[in-house]
Amino acid sequence: MRVYEPNSLAVRIDFDQRAALFVEGPDIYYVADHHLPYPLVLGRMSRIGRKALKDLLKTGWRFVTDRKDKARVAGRSVLRTRSSNRKGK
């Protein structure tokens, strides 16, 4: 079983992006076995360059904020549906 290595950073990203990172930098990016079903990647801080780290953090930021925005919009739709049902009663 693979576990966290010292000085690693976990960043939430989607599975396709994670797979691309594994191909791009197998010595930099990895995932612990117990995290395989989750959308995240681990990066070895001692091996990642400044630009790659910046790109990784931006990718993670977009992934997290896009999901929140989608959930927020979905929540509003549900709230509108519920409130419109109440008005009809």
Protein backbone atom coordinates (compact mmCIF):
# COMPACT_ATOMS: atom_id res chain seq x y z
CA MET A 1 0.00 0.00 0.00
CA ARG A 2 1.33 3.40 -0.95
CA VAL A 3 1.07 6.12 1.68
CA TYR A 4 1.91 9.80 1.83
CA GLU A 5 5.54 10.66 1.49
CA PRO A 6 7.04 13.45 3.59
CA ASN A 7 6.77 16.93 2.07
CA SER A 8 3.89 16.10 -0.25
CA LEU A 9 1.00 18.33 -1.19
CA ALA A 10 -2.53 17.02 -1.86
CA VAL A 11 -4.56 18.91 -4.46
CA ARG A 12 -8.09 18.12 -5.60
CA ILE A 13 -8.33 17.74 -9.39
CA ASP A 14 -10.43 15.66 -11.73
CA PHE A 15 -9.47 12.13 -12.73
CA ASP A 16 -8.52 12.97 -16.34
CA GLN A 17 -6.16 15.71 -15.21
CA ARG A 18 -4.67 13.39 -12.61
CA ALA A 19 -4.00 10.74 -15.25
CA ALA A 20 -2.28 13.34 -17.45
CA LEU A 21 -0.05 14.41 -14.55
CA PHE A 22 0.98 10.80 -13.92
CA VAL A 23 2.13 10.57 -17.54
CA GLU A 24 3.75 14.02 -17.50
CA GLY A 25 5.69 13.62 -14.26
CA PRO A 26 5.60 10.15 -12.68
CA ASP A 27 8.47 11.11 -10.38
CA ILE A 28 6.55 14.21 -9.16
CA TYR A 29 2.90 13.15 -8.95
CA TYR A 30 1.41 10.14 -7.22
CA VAL A 31 -1.63 9.01 -5.27
CA ALA A 32 -1.96 6.82 -2.19
CA ASP A 33 -3.90 3.62 -2.83
CA HIS A 34 -6.66 4.56 -0.41
CA HIS A 35 -7.19 7.82 -2.35
CA LEU A 36 -7.61 6.20 -5.76
CA PRO A 37 -11.41 6.68 -5.81
CA TYR A 38 -11.12 10.37 -4.90
CA PRO A 39 -10.36 13.27 -7.25
CA LEU A 40 -6.97 14.31 -5.93
CA VAL A 41 -3.28 14.05 -6.65
CA LEU A 42 -0.25 14.17 -4.41
CA GLY A 43 2.84 16.09 -5.46
CA ARG A 44 6.36 15.74 -4.15
CA MET A 45 7.36 19.26 -3.16
CA SER A 46 11.06 18.47 -3.46
CA ARG A 47 10.65 17.61 -7.15
CA ILE A 48 8.03 20.00 -8.46
CA GLY A 49 9.15 23.18 -10.18
CA ARG A 50 7.73 26.61 -9.47
CA LYS A 51 5.72 26.81 -12.72
CA ALA A 52 4.37 23.27 -12.35
CA LEU A 53 3.33 24.01 -8.77
CA LYS A 54 1.59 27.21 -9.84
CA ASP A 55 -0.25 25.33 -12.61
CA LEU A 56 -1.24 22.54 -10.22
CA LEU A 57 -2.64 24.99 -7.67
CA LYS A 58 -4.57 26.87 -10.36
CA THR A 59 -6.00 23.61 -11.66
CA GLY A 60 -7.03 22.60 -8.15
CA TRP A 61 -8.58 26.01 -7.51
CA ARG A 62 -10.64 25.79 -10.70
CA PHE A 63 -11.76 22.26 -9.89
CA VAL A 64 -12.94 23.19 -6.39
CA THR A 65 -14.58 26.50 -7.31
CA ASP A 66 -16.32 25.09 -10.40
CA ARG A 67 -17.83 22.33 -8.27
CA LYS A 68 -19.02 24.85 -5.68
CA ASP A 69 -20.54 27.06 -8.38
CA LYS A 70 -22.37 24.10 -9.92
CA ALA A 71 -23.66 23.01 -6.51
CA ARG A 72 -24.75 26.55 -5.73
CA VAL A 73 -26.66 26.80 -9.02
CA ALA A 74 -28.24 23.38 -8.49
CA GLY A 75 -29.23 24.40 -4.97
CA ARG A 76 -30.93 27.54 -6.26
CA SER A 77 -32.87 25.48 -8.79
CA VAL A 78 -34.10 23.20 -6.02
CA LEU A 79 -35.00 26.18 -3.85
CA ARG A 80 -36.91 27.84 -6.69
CA THR A 81 -38.81 24.64 -7.39
CA ARG A 82 -39.71 24.24 -3.73
CA SER A 83 -40.77 27.88 -3.31
CA SER A 84 -42.81 27.83 -6.53
CA ASN A 85 -44.58 24.69 -5.30
CA ARG A 86 -45.49 26.48 -2.09
CA LYS A 87 -46.93 29.46 -3.94
CA GLY A 88 -49.19 27.17 -5.93
CA LYS A 89 -50.74 25.71 -2.77
